[in-house]
């Protein structure tokens, strides 16, 4: 297991953190789950989600209403920025739907997920579900978690040493390039979603493809019908770049810079989720902006827990981790980014060293 600066879990201590047999039977997670269930924190919150969905849909409609009302003006760039935020909120709703936080049954969850994901923001629900399910099963495992697979960025010194192509080109300076690269994430989501239409795991490809194309065609048609080409392209760039940055800033604090596993390293479920996750402190604004993902530890332990219960669950989980001696990592938002960037810079050292030796 590898760690980043500021995370007090070492390879030596990992063995000591292996789950100890309990005299009362059941795993550590089972005991925690009973406490959470008894506190009523897994109950659905239909009223909350009805209000949240209604608000997000209203903001979505208001954004496009402003766009068509304002017409040919550079003030549309403000609308583009506003819609980038709204797109992020739509994506966060799709995330909750995928985890069945809103509906208990799969059918309504998938139908609404495709409506918000594919049609709402142009992100394939099926592609994202496949990727995100594998991430939740083995967070920060270099061989099993697609979110830490070496692509453009590298997440460990081992990946840095074996890097090729673009990852090797930018890996030595990936910390300074991280936020600029996030401006491309919105476009990357669209491209990855379209490419996934050829994947055998994707269910209802025709439906997913139709909704994706409707989103793209509708977006581009609206832009080029209302705005001249230059302003339309500027609107698209501002909207998609800020959308990518918003999503990246929402997900980056969750696991980047936390311990990673390789090979057969696979602790029990509770430790696998807690040790690799980071919580972000904050109030109501943080909860809204990050969609509840600032309670990443609780979300990974109980993915179907409705977002409004996560704050209450945090007190239960944090106390329980203290009782069984499992490190529980929580920090402020800016500190979470600093930890992630510090980790990215540190793991790029082999690439910088090899270049310096030439």
Protein backbone atom coordinates (compact mmCIF):
# COMPACT_ATOMS: atom_id res chain seq x y z
CA UNK A 1 0.00 0.00 0.00
CA UNK A 2 1.25 3.47 -0.82
CA UNK A 3 0.34 6.72 0.89
CA UNK A 4 0.66 10.43 0.40
CA UNK A 5 2.06 13.10 2.73
CA UNK A 6 -0.27 13.92 5.60
CA UNK A 7 -2.03 10.54 5.57
CA UNK A 8 -0.98 8.57 8.63
CA UNK A 9 -1.33 5.05 7.23
CA UNK A 10 1.88 3.22 6.38
CA UNK A 11 2.44 -0.15 4.72
CA UNK A 12 3.62 -1.47 8.09
CA UNK A 13 0.51 -0.27 9.87
CA UNK A 14 -1.76 -1.69 7.17
CA UNK A 15 -1.31 -5.21 8.51
CA UNK A 16 -2.19 -4.01 11.99
CA UNK A 17 -5.36 -2.47 10.60
CA UNK A 18 -6.56 -5.80 9.21
CA UNK A 19 -9.92 -6.69 10.64
CA UNK A 20 -9.69 -8.40 14.00
CA UNK A 21 -11.99 -11.33 14.84
CA UNK A 22 -14.84 -10.24 17.08
CA UNK A 23 -16.08 -12.29 19.99
CA UNK A 24 -19.67 -11.17 19.41
CA UNK A 25 -19.72 -12.36 15.79
CA UNK A 26 -20.13 -10.33 12.65
CA UNK A 27 -17.70 -8.04 10.88
CA UNK A 28 -16.78 -4.52 11.89
CA UNK A 29 -18.87 -3.22 9.02
CA UNK A 30 -21.88 -5.31 10.07
CA UNK A 31 -21.76 -3.74 13.52
CA UNK A 32 -21.56 -0.26 12.04
CA UNK A 33 -24.36 -1.03 9.60
CA UNK A 34 -26.64 -2.02 12.47
CA UNK A 35 -26.03 1.32 14.16
CA UNK A 36 -26.75 3.21 10.94
CA UNK A 37 -29.92 1.21 10.29
CA UNK A 38 -31.18 1.64 13.85
CA UNK A 39 -30.69 5.40 13.50
CA UNK A 40 -32.97 5.36 10.45
CA UNK A 41 -30.30 6.80 8.17
CA UNK A 42 -31.00 4.45 5.24
CA UNK A 43 -34.65 5.49 4.88
CA UNK A 44 -35.63 7.14 1.60
CA UNK A 45 -36.27 10.90 1.54
CA UNK A 46 -38.84 11.40 -1.24
CA UNK A 47 -39.74 14.92 -0.11
CA UNK A 48 -36.13 16.08 -0.19
CA UNK A 49 -35.50 14.65 -3.64
CA UNK A 50 -38.78 15.98 -5.04
CA UNK A 51 -37.76 19.47 -3.91
CA UNK A 52 -34.18 19.08 -5.13
CA UNK A 53 -35.19 17.72 -8.54
CA UNK A 54 -37.77 20.48 -8.90
CA UNK A 55 -35.21 23.16 -8.04
CA UNK A 56 -32.57 21.81 -10.44
CA UNK A 57 -35.10 21.50 -13.28
CA UNK A 58 -36.25 25.07 -12.58
CA UNK A 59 -32.66 26.35 -12.68
CA UNK A 60 -32.05 24.43 -15.92
CA UNK A 61 -35.15 25.97 -17.50
CA UNK A 62 -34.27 29.43 -16.17
CA UNK A 63 -30.79 29.22 -17.68
CA UNK A 64 -32.06 28.34 -21.13
CA UNK A 65 -34.89 30.84 -20.77
CA UNK A 66 -32.32 33.57 -20.15
CA UNK A 67 -30.29 32.35 -23.12
CA UNK A 68 -33.18 32.67 -25.58
CA UNK A 69 -34.32 35.97 -24.03
CA UNK A 70 -30.94 37.73 -24.10
CA UNK A 71 -30.15 36.83 -27.70
CA UNK A 72 -27.04 38.13 -29.47
CA UNK A 73 -24.94 39.61 -26.67
CA UNK A 74 -21.63 38.87 -24.96
CA UNK A 75 -23.59 38.76 -21.73
CA UNK A 76 -24.43 35.21 -22.78
CA UNK A 77 -21.07 34.15 -21.34
CA UNK A 78 -22.57 34.73 -17.90
CA UNK A 79 -25.42 32.38 -18.88
CA UNK A 80 -22.81 29.86 -20.05
CA UNK A 81 -21.13 30.00 -16.62
CA UNK A 82 -24.47 29.66 -14.83
CA UNK A 83 -25.45 26.66 -16.93
CA UNK A 84 -22.07 25.05 -16.21
CA UNK A 85 -23.01 25.08 -12.52
CA UNK A 86 -26.50 23.76 -13.31
CA UNK A 87 -25.04 20.97 -15.48
CA UNK A 88 -22.88 19.99 -12.51
CA UNK A 89 -25.94 19.82 -10.27
CA UNK A 90 -27.74 17.70 -12.87
CA UNK A 91 -24.75 15.32 -12.96
CA UNK A 92 -24.78 15.09 -9.15
CA UNK A 93 -28.48 14.18 -9.28
CA UNK A 94 -27.71 11.48 -11.86
CA UNK A 95 -25.08 10.18 -9.41
CA UNK A 96 -27.67 9.88 -6.62
CA UNK A 97 -30.11 8.19 -8.97
CA UNK A 98 -27.47 5.68 -10.03
CA UNK A 99 -26.88 4.73 -6.39
CA UNK A 100 -30.66 4.27 -5.86
CA UNK A 101 -30.73 6.99 -3.25
CA UNK A 102 -33.91 8.38 -4.79
CA UNK A 103 -35.85 5.26 -5.85
CA UNK A 104 -35.49 1.80 -4.38
CA UNK A 105 -36.26 0.04 -7.67
CA UNK A 106 -33.88 -0.17 -10.62
CA UNK A 107 -36.38 0.78 -13.34
CA UNK A 108 -37.22 4.31 -12.19
CA UNK A 109 -33.59 4.91 -11.17
CA UNK A 110 -32.29 4.01 -14.63
CA UNK A 111 -35.02 5.92 -16.47
CA UNK A 112 -34.41 9.12 -14.51
CA UNK A 113 -30.66 8.57 -14.60
CA UNK A 114 -30.66 8.46 -18.39
CA UNK A 115 -32.94 11.48 -18.55
CA UNK A 116 -30.66 13.60 -16.36
CA UNK A 117 -27.34 12.12 -17.52
CA UNK A 118 -27.72 11.45 -21.24
CA UNK A 119 -30.28 14.07 -22.20
CA UNK A 120 -29.54 16.64 -19.51
CA UNK A 121 -25.76 16.93 -19.72
CA UNK A 122 -24.67 14.53 -22.49
CA UNK A 123 -23.05 11.94 -20.22
CA UNK A 124 -23.85 8.26 -20.76
CA UNK A 125 -25.57 6.82 -17.69
CA UNK A 126 -24.58 3.26 -18.59
CA UNK A 127 -20.93 4.12 -19.22
CA UNK A 128 -20.68 6.05 -15.99
CA UNK A 129 -22.46 3.32 -13.99
CA UNK A 130 -20.03 0.66 -15.24
CA UNK A 131 -17.03 2.80 -14.38
CA UNK A 132 -18.33 4.05 -11.05
CA UNK A 133 -19.44 0.62 -9.83
CA UNK A 134 -15.92 -0.72 -10.33
CA UNK A 135 -14.53 2.29 -8.50
CA UNK A 136 -16.80 1.75 -5.49
CA UNK A 137 -15.90 -1.93 -5.26
CA UNK A 138 -12.15 -1.27 -5.08
CA UNK A 139 -11.40 2.44 -4.51
CA UNK A 140 -7.79 3.47 -5.15
CA UNK A 141 -6.73 -0.04 -6.18
CA UNK A 142 -4.36 0.52 -9.09
CA UNK A 143 -5.34 -2.73 -10.81
CA UNK A 144 -9.10 -2.60 -10.21
CA UNK A 145 -10.22 1.02 -9.89
CA UNK A 146 -10.62 2.72 -13.29
CA UNK A 147 -10.34 6.14 -11.61
CA UNK A 148 -6.66 5.55 -10.81
CA UNK A 149 -5.74 3.80 -14.05
CA UNK A 150 -2.81 5.61 -15.75
CA UNK A 151 -4.13 7.59 -18.67
CA UNK A 152 -3.19 11.24 -18.96
CA UNK A 153 -2.22 11.40 -15.27
CA UNK A 154 -0.31 8.91 -13.13
CA UNK A 155 -1.32 8.17 -9.56
CA UNK A 156 1.70 6.29 -8.14
CA UNK A 157 5.45 6.21 -8.59
CA UNK A 158 5.11 2.75 -10.14
CA UNK A 159 2.77 4.10 -12.78
CA UNK A 160 5.14 7.02 -13.36
CA UNK A 161 8.10 4.69 -14.01
CA UNK A 162 6.05 2.62 -16.48
CA UNK A 163 4.36 5.60 -18.14
CA UNK A 164 4.38 6.15 -21.88
CA UNK A 165 2.97 8.68 -24.32
CA UNK A 166 1.02 11.66 -22.97
CA UNK A 167 1.27 10.51 -19.34
CA UNK A 168 5.04 10.48 -19.57
CA UNK A 169 5.08 13.80 -21.39
CA UNK A 170 3.19 15.70 -18.71
CA UNK A 171 3.62 13.43 -15.67
CA UNK A 172 6.55 15.33 -14.23
CA UNK A 173 4.49 18.53 -14.10
CA UNK A 174 1.02 17.05 -13.68
CA UNK A 175 0.35 18.86 -10.40
CA UNK A 176 0.64 22.29 -12.04
CA UNK A 177 -1.34 21.08 -15.05
CA UNK A 178 -4.15 19.42 -13.07
CA UNK A 179 -6.62 22.31 -12.97
CA UNK A 180 -5.93 23.44 -16.55
CA UNK A 181 -6.59 19.87 -17.69
CA UNK A 182 -9.94 19.90 -15.93
CA UNK A 183 -11.15 22.41 -18.52
CA UNK A 184 -11.17 19.49 -20.97
CA UNK A 185 -13.12 17.13 -18.72
CA UNK A 186 -16.54 18.22 -19.97
CA UNK A 187 -15.55 17.45 -23.55
CA UNK A 188 -13.95 14.18 -22.41
CA UNK A 189 -17.22 13.04 -20.82
CA UNK A 190 -19.04 13.50 -24.13
CA UNK A 191 -16.36 11.69 -26.12
CA UNK A 192 -16.14 8.81 -23.64
CA UNK A 193 -19.93 8.50 -23.60
CA UNK A 194 -20.14 8.29 -27.39
CA UNK A 195 -17.29 5.77 -27.56
CA UNK A 196 -19.06 3.63 -24.94
CA UNK A 197 -21.95 3.08 -27.35
CA UNK A 198 -19.79 0.40 -28.97
CA UNK A 199 -19.14 -1.39 -25.67
CA UNK A 200 -20.87 -4.75 -25.11
CA UNK A 201 -21.60 -3.99 -21.45
CA UNK A 202 -23.81 -1.00 -22.32
CA UNK A 203 -27.53 -1.80 -22.04
CA UNK A 204 -30.13 -0.06 -24.20
CA UNK A 205 -27.53 1.38 -26.55
CA UNK A 206 -30.13 2.74 -28.96
CA UNK A 207 -31.87 4.67 -26.19
CA UNK A 208 -28.62 5.94 -24.71
CA UNK A 209 -27.30 6.95 -28.12
CA UNK A 210 -30.52 8.71 -29.08
CA UNK A 211 -30.57 10.74 -25.86
CA UNK A 212 -26.89 11.65 -26.19
CA UNK A 213 -27.35 12.83 -29.77
CA UNK A 214 -30.47 14.79 -28.80
CA UNK A 215 -28.47 16.61 -26.14
CA UNK A 216 -25.59 17.41 -28.48
CA UNK A 217 -27.83 18.37 -31.40
CA UNK A 218 -30.08 20.47 -29.19
CA UNK A 219 -27.16 22.30 -27.58
CA UNK A 220 -25.39 23.09 -30.83
CA UNK A 221 -28.61 24.02 -32.64
CA UNK A 222 -29.59 26.46 -29.90
CA UNK A 223 -26.15 28.08 -29.86
CA UNK A 224 -25.79 28.56 -33.60
CA UNK A 225 -29.41 29.61 -34.16
CA UNK A 226 -29.31 32.34 -31.51
CA UNK A 227 -25.67 33.45 -31.65
CA UNK A 228 -23.22 34.22 -34.44
CA UNK A 229 -20.48 31.58 -34.83
CA UNK A 230 -17.85 33.41 -32.77
CA UNK A 231 -20.12 33.95 -29.78
CA UNK A 232 -21.56 30.46 -30.09
CA UNK A 233 -18.10 28.92 -29.90
CA UNK A 234 -17.17 31.20 -26.99
CA UNK A 235 -20.37 30.17 -25.15
CA UNK A 236 -19.59 26.49 -25.76
CA UNK A 237 -16.00 26.85 -24.56
CA UNK A 238 -16.94 28.72 -21.36
CA UNK A 239 -19.80 26.38 -20.59
CA UNK A 240 -17.96 23.10 -21.15
CA UNK A 241 -14.66 24.22 -19.62
CA UNK A 242 -16.32 25.48 -16.43
CA UNK A 243 -18.51 22.36 -16.31
CA UNK A 244 -15.37 20.21 -16.42
CA UNK A 245 -13.63 22.27 -13.74
CA UNK A 246 -16.70 22.11 -11.50
CA UNK A 247 -17.00 18.33 -11.81
CA UNK A 248 -13.26 17.89 -11.30
CA UNK A 249 -13.27 20.08 -8.20
CA UNK A 250 -16.20 18.05 -6.87
CA UNK A 251 -14.53 14.66 -7.30
CA UNK A 252 -10.82 15.49 -6.81
CA UNK A 253 -10.95 15.82 -2.98
CA UNK A 254 -12.53 12.40 -2.53
CA UNK A 255 -9.63 9.97 -3.04
CA UNK A 256 -6.68 11.68 -4.73
CA UNK A 257 -3.67 11.54 -2.45
CA UNK A 258 -5.15 8.90 -0.18
CA UNK A 259 -3.58 5.42 0.23
CA UNK A 260 -3.58 3.19 -2.85
CA UNK A 261 -3.44 -0.60 -3.13
CA UNK A 262 -1.94 -2.97 -5.68
CA UNK A 263 -2.01 -6.68 -6.42
CA UNK A 264 -3.50 -8.80 -3.66
CA UNK A 265 -3.70 -5.92 -1.18
CA UNK A 266 -7.38 -5.84 -0.35
CA UNK A 267 -8.47 -5.06 3.21
CA UNK A 268 -11.95 -5.84 4.50
CA UNK A 269 -14.82 -3.72 3.18
CA UNK A 270 -14.89 -1.12 5.94
CA UNK A 271 -11.17 -0.40 5.83
CA UNK A 272 -11.09 -0.54 2.04
CA UNK A 273 -13.59 2.31 1.94
CA UNK A 274 -12.46 4.40 4.93
CA UNK A 275 -8.69 4.32 4.39
CA UNK A 276 -8.93 5.42 0.76
CA UNK A 277 -11.49 8.20 1.23
CA UNK A 278 -11.24 11.78 2.43
CA UNK A 279 -14.02 13.87 3.94
CA UNK A 280 -14.19 17.64 3.43
CA UNK A 281 -15.34 19.88 6.27
CA UNK A 282 -17.87 22.64 5.58
CA UNK A 283 -21.38 23.89 6.05
CA UNK A 284 -24.49 24.04 3.92
CA UNK A 285 -22.73 25.74 0.99
CA UNK A 286 -20.13 22.96 0.83
CA UNK A 287 -22.89 20.34 0.98
CA UNK A 288 -24.72 21.98 -1.93
CA UNK A 289 -21.68 22.66 -4.11
CA UNK A 290 -20.23 19.16 -3.65
CA UNK A 291 -23.59 17.41 -3.69
CA UNK A 292 -22.90 15.60 -0.42
CA UNK A 293 -19.74 14.00 -1.79
CA UNK A 294 -17.81 15.89 0.89
CA UNK A 295 -19.01 13.03 3.13
CA UNK A 296 -17.07 10.61 0.95
CA UNK A 297 -16.33 8.10 3.70
CA UNK A 298 -19.99 7.70 4.62
CA UNK A 299 -21.02 7.64 0.96
CA UNK A 300 -18.59 4.83 0.18
CA UNK A 301 -19.69 2.80 3.17
CA UNK A 302 -23.39 3.29 2.41
CA UNK A 303 -23.76 4.27 -1.28
CA UNK A 304 -27.57 4.10 -1.22
CA UNK A 305 -27.86 6.44 1.77
CA UNK A 306 -29.80 9.57 0.77
CA UNK A 307 -27.63 12.68 0.67
CA UNK A 308 -29.42 14.55 3.50
CA UNK A 309 -28.60 11.72 5.94
CA UNK A 310 -24.84 11.83 5.33
CA UNK A 311 -24.11 14.62 7.82
CA UNK A 312 -25.82 12.72 10.64
CA UNK A 313 -24.15 9.47 9.60
CA UNK A 314 -20.75 11.14 9.81
CA UNK A 315 -20.93 11.43 13.60
CA UNK A 316 -21.78 7.73 13.91
CA UNK A 317 -19.06 6.56 11.50
CA UNK A 318 -16.35 8.80 12.93
CA UNK A 319 -17.03 7.63 16.48
CA UNK A 320 -17.10 3.99 15.40
CA UNK A 321 -13.78 4.31 13.54
CA UNK A 322 -12.23 5.78 16.68
CA UNK A 323 -13.54 2.82 18.70
CA UNK A 324 -11.96 0.21 16.40
CA UNK A 325 -8.77 2.17 15.66
CA UNK A 326 -9.30 2.93 11.97
CA UNK A 327 -7.91 6.31 10.79
CA UNK A 328 -10.64 8.71 9.65
CA UNK A 329 -9.31 11.49 7.43
CA UNK A 330 -11.11 14.82 7.19
CA UNK A 331 -9.83 18.22 6.13
CA UNK A 332 -10.91 21.57 4.72
CA UNK A 333 -11.65 22.04 1.03
CA UNK A 334 -8.50 23.99 0.15
CA UNK A 335 -6.36 21.58 2.17
CA UNK A 336 -7.92 18.65 0.27
CA UNK A 337 -6.79 20.14 -3.04
CA UNK A 338 -3.33 20.81 -1.61
CA UNK A 339 -3.02 17.20 -0.49
CA UNK A 340 -4.13 15.93 -3.91
CA UNK A 341 -1.71 18.23 -5.77
CA UNK A 342 1.14 17.36 -3.40
CA UNK A 343 0.54 13.70 -4.13
CA UNK A 344 0.48 14.31 -7.90
CA UNK A 345 3.76 16.19 -7.69
CA UNK A 346 5.41 13.52 -5.53
CA UNK A 347 4.47 10.58 -7.74
CA UNK A 348 5.79 12.42 -10.81
CA UNK A 349 9.29 12.48 -9.32
CA UNK A 350 10.60 9.42 -11.24
CA UNK A 351 9.76 11.13 -14.54
CA UNK A 352 11.48 14.38 -13.48
CA UNK A 353 14.53 12.44 -12.25
CA UNK A 354 14.86 10.49 -15.49
CA UNK A 355 14.64 13.67 -17.55
CA UNK A 356 17.26 15.38 -15.40
CA UNK A 357 19.63 12.43 -15.88
CA UNK A 358 19.59 12.71 -19.68
